[in-house]
């Protein structure tokens, strides 16, 4: 799925788009309008940006959306 970026927000396009913001040290905010869902992730990871943990977080959000759909 294509990802767009605008005004400090990412949009994962598709049938049910996901709008999200990635902050440093694991701070994330996800908005799934179709699911009427907002997920805020607060953490204090050692690295400002950790690709492996971002991937893990994205998979977790995907699974939460599937369970609540």
N, C-alpha and C. Protein backbone atom coordinates (compact mmCIF):
# COMPACT_ATOMS: atom_id res chain seq x y z
N UNK A 1 0.84 -1.18 0.00
CA UNK A 1 0.00 0.00 0.00
C UNK A 1 0.88 1.25 0.00
N UNK A 2 0.51 2.22 -0.79
CA UNK A 2 1.30 3.46 -0.81
C UNK A 2 1.12 4.28 0.46
N UNK A 3 2.19 4.97 0.83
CA UNK A 3 2.16 5.86 1.98
C UNK A 3 2.39 7.29 1.48
N UNK A 4 1.54 8.20 1.94
CA UNK A 4 1.72 9.63 1.62
C UNK A 4 2.13 10.36 2.89
N UNK A 5 2.74 11.52 2.72
CA UNK A 5 3.15 12.34 3.85
C UNK A 5 2.74 13.77 3.56
N UNK A 6 2.11 14.41 4.57
CA UNK A 6 1.71 15.81 4.42
C UNK A 6 1.47 16.41 5.79
N UNK A 7 1.98 17.59 6.00
CA UNK A 7 1.75 18.35 7.24
C UNK A 7 2.09 17.54 8.49
N UNK A 8 3.19 16.81 8.46
CA UNK A 8 3.70 16.02 9.57
C UNK A 8 2.85 14.79 9.89
N UNK A 9 2.01 14.36 8.96
CA UNK A 9 1.20 13.15 9.12
C UNK A 9 1.48 12.21 7.96
N UNK A 10 1.51 10.92 8.25
CA UNK A 10 1.61 9.88 7.22
C UNK A 10 0.23 9.31 7.01
N UNK A 11 -0.07 8.90 5.78
CA UNK A 11 -1.34 8.27 5.47
C UNK A 11 -1.06 6.98 4.72
N UNK A 12 -1.42 5.86 5.34
CA UNK A 12 -1.31 4.57 4.70
C UNK A 12 -2.61 4.36 3.95
N UNK A 13 -2.54 4.47 2.63
CA UNK A 13 -3.75 4.43 1.82
C UNK A 13 -4.27 3.00 1.69
N UNK A 14 -5.50 2.88 1.27
CA UNK A 14 -6.13 1.58 1.09
C UNK A 14 -7.62 1.70 1.34
N UNK A 15 -8.26 0.56 1.47
CA UNK A 15 -9.71 0.53 1.70
C UNK A 15 -10.09 1.24 3.00
N UNK A 16 -9.26 1.06 4.04
CA UNK A 16 -9.48 1.72 5.33
C UNK A 16 -8.18 2.45 5.68
N UNK A 17 -8.01 3.69 5.21
CA UNK A 17 -6.76 4.41 5.44
C UNK A 17 -6.40 4.55 6.92
N UNK A 18 -5.10 4.57 7.17
CA UNK A 18 -4.58 4.78 8.52
C UNK A 18 -3.76 6.05 8.51
N UNK A 19 -4.10 6.99 9.38
CA UNK A 19 -3.37 8.24 9.51
C UNK A 19 -2.50 8.10 10.76
N UNK A 20 -1.21 8.45 10.64
CA UNK A 20 -0.36 8.29 11.82
C UNK A 20 0.78 9.29 11.84
N UNK A 21 1.26 9.52 13.05
CA UNK A 21 2.41 10.39 13.29
C UNK A 21 3.45 9.57 14.04
N UNK A 22 4.71 9.73 13.64
CA UNK A 22 5.82 9.04 14.30
C UNK A 22 6.69 10.07 14.98
N UNK A 23 6.80 9.95 16.28
CA UNK A 23 7.68 10.84 17.02
C UNK A 23 8.98 10.13 17.36
N UNK A 24 9.86 10.81 18.06
CA UNK A 24 11.12 10.18 18.44
C UNK A 24 10.95 9.35 19.71
N UNK A 25 11.85 8.40 19.89
CA UNK A 25 11.89 7.54 21.07
C UNK A 25 10.61 6.71 21.26
N UNK A 26 9.89 6.42 20.15
CA UNK A 26 8.74 5.52 20.22
C UNK A 26 7.40 6.16 20.46
N UNK A 27 7.31 7.47 20.35
CA UNK A 27 6.03 8.15 20.53
C UNK A 27 5.25 8.07 19.21
N UNK A 28 4.06 7.49 19.22
CA UNK A 28 3.27 7.32 18.00
C UNK A 28 1.81 7.63 18.26
N UNK A 29 1.13 8.08 17.20
CA UNK A 29 -0.30 8.30 17.25
C UNK A 29 -0.90 7.75 15.96
N UNK A 30 -1.93 6.92 16.09
CA UNK A 30 -2.59 6.29 14.95
C UNK A 30 -4.07 6.62 14.98
N UNK A 31 -4.64 6.94 13.81
CA UNK A 31 -6.05 7.24 13.69
C UNK A 31 -6.62 6.42 12.54
N UNK A 32 -7.62 5.60 12.85
CA UNK A 32 -8.31 4.80 11.84
C UNK A 32 -9.77 5.24 11.85
N UNK A 33 -10.09 6.16 10.99
CA UNK A 33 -11.45 6.73 10.99
C UNK A 33 -12.52 5.68 10.73
N UNK A 34 -12.27 4.79 9.78
CA UNK A 34 -13.28 3.78 9.44
C UNK A 34 -13.58 2.89 10.64
N UNK A 35 -12.58 2.60 11.45
CA UNK A 35 -12.76 1.76 12.64
C UNK A 35 -13.15 2.58 13.87
N UNK A 36 -13.20 3.92 13.74
CA UNK A 36 -13.45 4.80 14.87
C UNK A 36 -12.47 4.48 16.01
N UNK A 37 -11.19 4.47 15.65
CA UNK A 37 -10.15 4.01 16.56
C UNK A 37 -8.99 5.02 16.60
N UNK A 38 -8.52 5.30 17.81
CA UNK A 38 -7.33 6.11 18.01
C UNK A 38 -6.41 5.33 18.95
N UNK A 39 -5.15 5.19 18.56
CA UNK A 39 -4.17 4.49 19.38
C UNK A 39 -3.01 5.46 19.63
N UNK A 40 -2.70 5.67 20.90
CA UNK A 40 -1.53 6.48 21.27
C UNK A 40 -0.53 5.55 21.93
N UNK A 41 0.71 5.58 21.45
CA UNK A 41 1.77 4.75 22.01
C UNK A 41 2.81 5.67 22.63
N UNK A 42 2.99 5.53 23.92
CA UNK A 42 3.98 6.31 24.65
C UNK A 42 5.09 5.37 25.10
N UNK A 43 6.32 5.77 24.88
CA UNK A 43 7.44 4.94 25.31
C UNK A 43 8.70 5.80 25.41
N UNK A 44 9.77 5.19 25.85
CA UNK A 44 11.05 5.90 25.93
C UNK A 44 12.16 4.97 25.43
N UNK A 45 12.12 4.69 24.15
CA UNK A 45 13.13 3.84 23.53
C UNK A 45 14.49 4.53 23.56
N UNK A 46 15.54 3.74 23.59
CA UNK A 46 16.89 4.29 23.66
C UNK A 46 17.25 5.08 22.41
N UNK A 47 16.89 4.56 21.24
CA UNK A 47 17.21 5.24 19.98
C UNK A 47 16.09 6.18 19.58
N UNK A 48 16.41 7.34 19.03
CA UNK A 48 15.35 8.25 18.58
C UNK A 48 14.44 7.60 17.53
N UNK A 49 15.02 6.91 16.55
CA UNK A 49 14.25 6.18 15.55
C UNK A 49 14.83 4.78 15.42
N UNK A 50 13.99 3.77 15.60
CA UNK A 50 14.41 2.38 15.56
C UNK A 50 13.51 1.66 14.56
N UNK A 51 14.04 1.38 13.37
CA UNK A 51 13.24 0.80 12.27
C UNK A 51 12.58 -0.51 12.67
N UNK A 52 13.29 -1.36 13.40
CA UNK A 52 12.72 -2.65 13.81
C UNK A 52 11.51 -2.46 14.72
N UNK A 53 11.62 -1.53 15.66
CA UNK A 53 10.50 -1.29 16.58
C UNK A 53 9.34 -0.58 15.88
N UNK A 54 9.64 0.28 14.93
CA UNK A 54 8.56 0.91 14.16
C UNK A 54 7.79 -0.15 13.39
N UNK A 55 8.52 -1.09 12.77
CA UNK A 55 7.87 -2.19 12.06
C UNK A 55 7.00 -3.03 12.97
N UNK A 56 7.51 -3.35 14.16
CA UNK A 56 6.76 -4.12 15.14
C UNK A 56 5.49 -3.38 15.57
N UNK A 57 5.62 -2.08 15.80
CA UNK A 57 4.46 -1.27 16.18
C UNK A 57 3.42 -1.24 15.07
N UNK A 58 3.87 -1.09 13.82
CA UNK A 58 2.92 -1.06 12.69
C UNK A 58 2.17 -2.39 12.57
N UNK A 59 2.88 -3.50 12.79
CA UNK A 59 2.21 -4.81 12.73
C UNK A 59 1.20 -4.96 13.88
N UNK A 60 1.56 -4.47 15.06
CA UNK A 60 0.65 -4.54 16.20
C UNK A 60 -0.61 -3.72 15.94
N UNK A 61 -0.46 -2.53 15.41
CA UNK A 61 -1.62 -1.68 15.09
C UNK A 61 -2.49 -2.37 14.05
N UNK A 62 -1.88 -2.98 13.06
CA UNK A 62 -2.63 -3.71 12.04
C UNK A 62 -3.46 -4.83 12.65
N UNK A 63 -2.88 -5.59 13.57
CA UNK A 63 -3.60 -6.67 14.23
C UNK A 63 -4.74 -6.15 15.12
N UNK A 64 -4.50 -5.06 15.82
CA UNK A 64 -5.56 -4.46 16.65
C UNK A 64 -6.73 -4.04 15.76
N UNK A 65 -6.43 -3.41 14.63
CA UNK A 65 -7.50 -3.00 13.70
C UNK A 65 -8.28 -4.18 13.19
N UNK A 66 -7.60 -5.28 12.87
CA UNK A 66 -8.28 -6.49 12.38
C UNK A 66 -9.19 -7.07 13.45
N UNK A 67 -8.71 -7.11 14.70
CA UNK A 67 -9.52 -7.68 15.80
C UNK A 67 -10.75 -6.83 16.10
N UNK A 68 -10.65 -5.53 15.92
CA UNK A 68 -11.78 -4.64 16.26
C UNK A 68 -12.70 -4.35 15.07
N UNK A 69 -12.33 -4.82 13.88
CA UNK A 69 -13.14 -4.55 12.69
C UNK A 69 -14.42 -5.37 12.69
